[in-house]
Protein backbone atom coordinates (compact mmCIF):
# COMPACT_ATOMS: atom_id res chain seq x y z
CA UNK A 1 -0.14 10.32 17.66
CA UNK A 2 1.86 7.09 17.80
CA UNK A 3 4.88 6.06 15.72
CA UNK A 4 5.50 2.33 14.99
CA UNK A 5 7.18 -0.03 12.50
CA UNK A 6 5.23 -0.67 9.25
CA UNK A 7 3.48 -3.90 9.59
CA UNK A 8 2.22 -6.36 6.68
CA UNK A 9 -1.31 -5.56 7.65
CA UNK A 10 -0.65 -1.94 6.82
CA UNK A 11 0.00 -2.56 3.07
CA UNK A 12 -3.42 -2.47 1.78
CA UNK A 13 -4.54 0.56 3.90
CA UNK A 14 -1.40 2.42 2.40
CA UNK A 15 -2.26 1.23 -0.89
CA UNK A 16 -5.71 2.78 -0.72
CA UNK A 17 -4.30 5.98 0.55
CA UNK A 18 -1.81 6.17 -2.49
CA UNK A 19 -4.45 5.23 -4.89
CA UNK A 20 -6.82 7.96 -3.54
CA UNK A 21 -4.27 10.85 -3.18
CA UNK A 22 -0.78 9.93 -4.93
CA UNK A 23 -1.44 7.72 -8.01
CA UNK A 24 -0.67 10.52 -10.35
CA UNK A 25 2.35 11.71 -8.53
CA UNK A 26 4.39 8.61 -8.01
CA UNK A 27 4.20 4.91 -8.30
CA UNK A 28 3.16 2.81 -5.13
CA UNK A 29 6.08 1.23 -3.27
CA UNK A 30 5.74 -1.94 -1.39
CA UNK A 31 8.43 -0.41 1.14
CA UNK A 32 10.62 -3.36 0.68
CA UNK A 33 13.46 -1.25 -0.80
CA UNK A 34 13.48 1.14 1.96
CA UNK A 35 16.06 1.13 4.77
CA UNK A 36 13.39 1.45 7.33
CA UNK A 37 9.51 1.79 7.12
CA UNK A 38 7.14 3.33 9.52
CA UNK A 39 3.63 4.69 10.13
CA UNK A 40 2.25 7.51 12.26
CA UNK A 41 -1.19 6.41 13.50
CA UNK A 42 -3.85 8.07 15.46
CA UNK A 43 -4.78 6.78 18.86
CA UNK A 44 -7.11 4.05 17.05
CA UNK A 45 -4.30 2.89 14.94
CA UNK A 46 -5.55 4.62 11.70
CA UNK A 47 -2.72 5.41 9.63
CA UNK A 48 -2.07 9.12 9.08
CA UNK A 49 1.44 8.79 7.25
CA UNK A 50 3.33 5.93 6.07
CA UNK A 51 6.83 6.15 4.91
CA UNK A 52 10.58 5.35 5.08
CA UNK A 53 13.98 6.40 3.99
CA UNK A 54 15.25 5.08 0.72
CA UNK A 55 18.77 5.29 -0.25
CA UNK A 56 19.51 6.82 -3.75
CA UNK A 57 22.43 6.96 -6.01
CA UNK A 58 23.65 10.29 -7.05
CA UNK A 59 26.44 11.21 -9.54
CA UNK A 60 28.48 13.97 -8.51
CA UNK A 61 30.89 15.64 -10.96
CA UNK A 62 33.13 18.60 -11.23
CA UNK A 63 33.87 19.81 -14.68
CA UNK A 64 37.04 21.64 -16.08
CA UNK A 65 34.98 24.25 -18.15
CA UNK A 66 38.40 25.24 -19.78
CA UNK A 67 37.72 22.55 -22.27
CA UNK A 68 35.39 23.05 -25.23
CA UNK A 69 31.77 21.82 -25.03
CA UNK A 70 32.22 18.79 -27.25
CA UNK A 71 35.01 17.33 -25.21
CA UNK A 72 32.97 18.10 -22.04
CA UNK A 73 29.98 16.33 -23.47
CA UNK A 74 31.81 13.22 -24.46
CA UNK A 75 33.75 13.13 -20.88
CA UNK A 76 30.17 13.72 -19.24
CA UNK A 77 28.76 10.54 -21.22
CA UNK A 78 32.03 8.75 -19.99
CA UNK A 79 31.21 9.57 -16.47
CA UNK A 80 27.69 8.77 -16.71
CA UNK A 81 28.45 5.19 -18.00
CA UNK A 82 30.81 4.76 -15.15
CA UNK A 83 28.37 6.17 -12.61
CA UNK A 84 25.65 3.92 -14.14
CA UNK A 85 27.85 0.83 -13.81
CA UNK A 86 28.53 1.57 -10.28
CA UNK A 87 24.73 2.31 -9.42
CA UNK A 88 23.82 -1.06 -11.00
CA UNK A 89 26.56 -2.95 -9.24
CA UNK A 90 25.22 -1.76 -5.84
CA UNK A 91 21.51 -2.56 -7.09
CA UNK A 92 20.15 0.90 -7.32
CA UNK A 93 17.38 1.15 -9.78
CA UNK A 94 18.11 4.95 -10.57
CA UNK A 95 20.84 7.41 -10.75
CA UNK A 96 20.15 10.97 -9.63
CA UNK A 97 22.07 13.99 -11.05
CA UNK A 98 21.25 17.41 -9.61
CA UNK A 99 21.88 19.97 -12.13
CA UNK A 100 22.99 23.62 -11.73
CA UNK A 101 23.71 24.06 -15.49
CA UNK A 102 20.86 23.95 -17.72
CA UNK A 103 22.83 23.04 -20.84
CA UNK A 104 24.47 20.00 -19.03
CA UNK A 105 20.92 18.88 -17.91
CA UNK A 106 19.72 19.19 -21.46
CA UNK A 107 22.59 17.12 -22.68
CA UNK A 108 21.77 14.34 -19.98
CA UNK A 109 18.20 14.34 -21.10
CA UNK A 110 19.25 13.67 -24.63
CA UNK A 111 21.09 10.58 -23.32
CA UNK A 112 18.38 9.03 -21.05
CA UNK A 113 17.90 10.97 -18.08
CA UNK A 114 14.54 12.43 -17.26
CA UNK A 115 12.94 15.06 -15.17
CA UNK A 116 11.73 13.79 -11.76
CA UNK A 117 8.06 14.28 -10.59
CA UNK A 118 7.97 16.93 -8.17
CA UNK A 119 10.58 19.36 -6.71
CA UNK A 120 13.70 17.99 -5.12
CA UNK A 121 14.50 19.28 -1.62
CA UNK A 122 17.34 18.50 0.73
CA UNK A 123 17.72 18.30 4.56
CA UNK A 124 21.24 18.58 5.88
CA UNK A 125 21.78 16.13 8.48
CA UNK A 126 25.48 17.19 9.41
């Protein structure tokens, strides 16, 4: 196997692979919004995997649970407005929030958030 940079000639091949195997899972990306794009190919330069690394905006909040849920809910909406503004300012198209509290998650869904496709996993790099 060989790894190399993604080239413009790869896009149509990748599009066909996406259409065949992943069209129901996520939208096709032109790879232009990735920090770096690459392919893993076989010895005949046939694409096995194409991908890259996409930066995401994540809102991280610490909540003082001594307050009642009404005040927390209002504060959460203020925090989401600020986080959304910052995300847009830095040209992100999405804002992620990883939820440990189901009621907070439900509140966010009522105010525009949605569940992601697939299950979120993380790899610690440090």
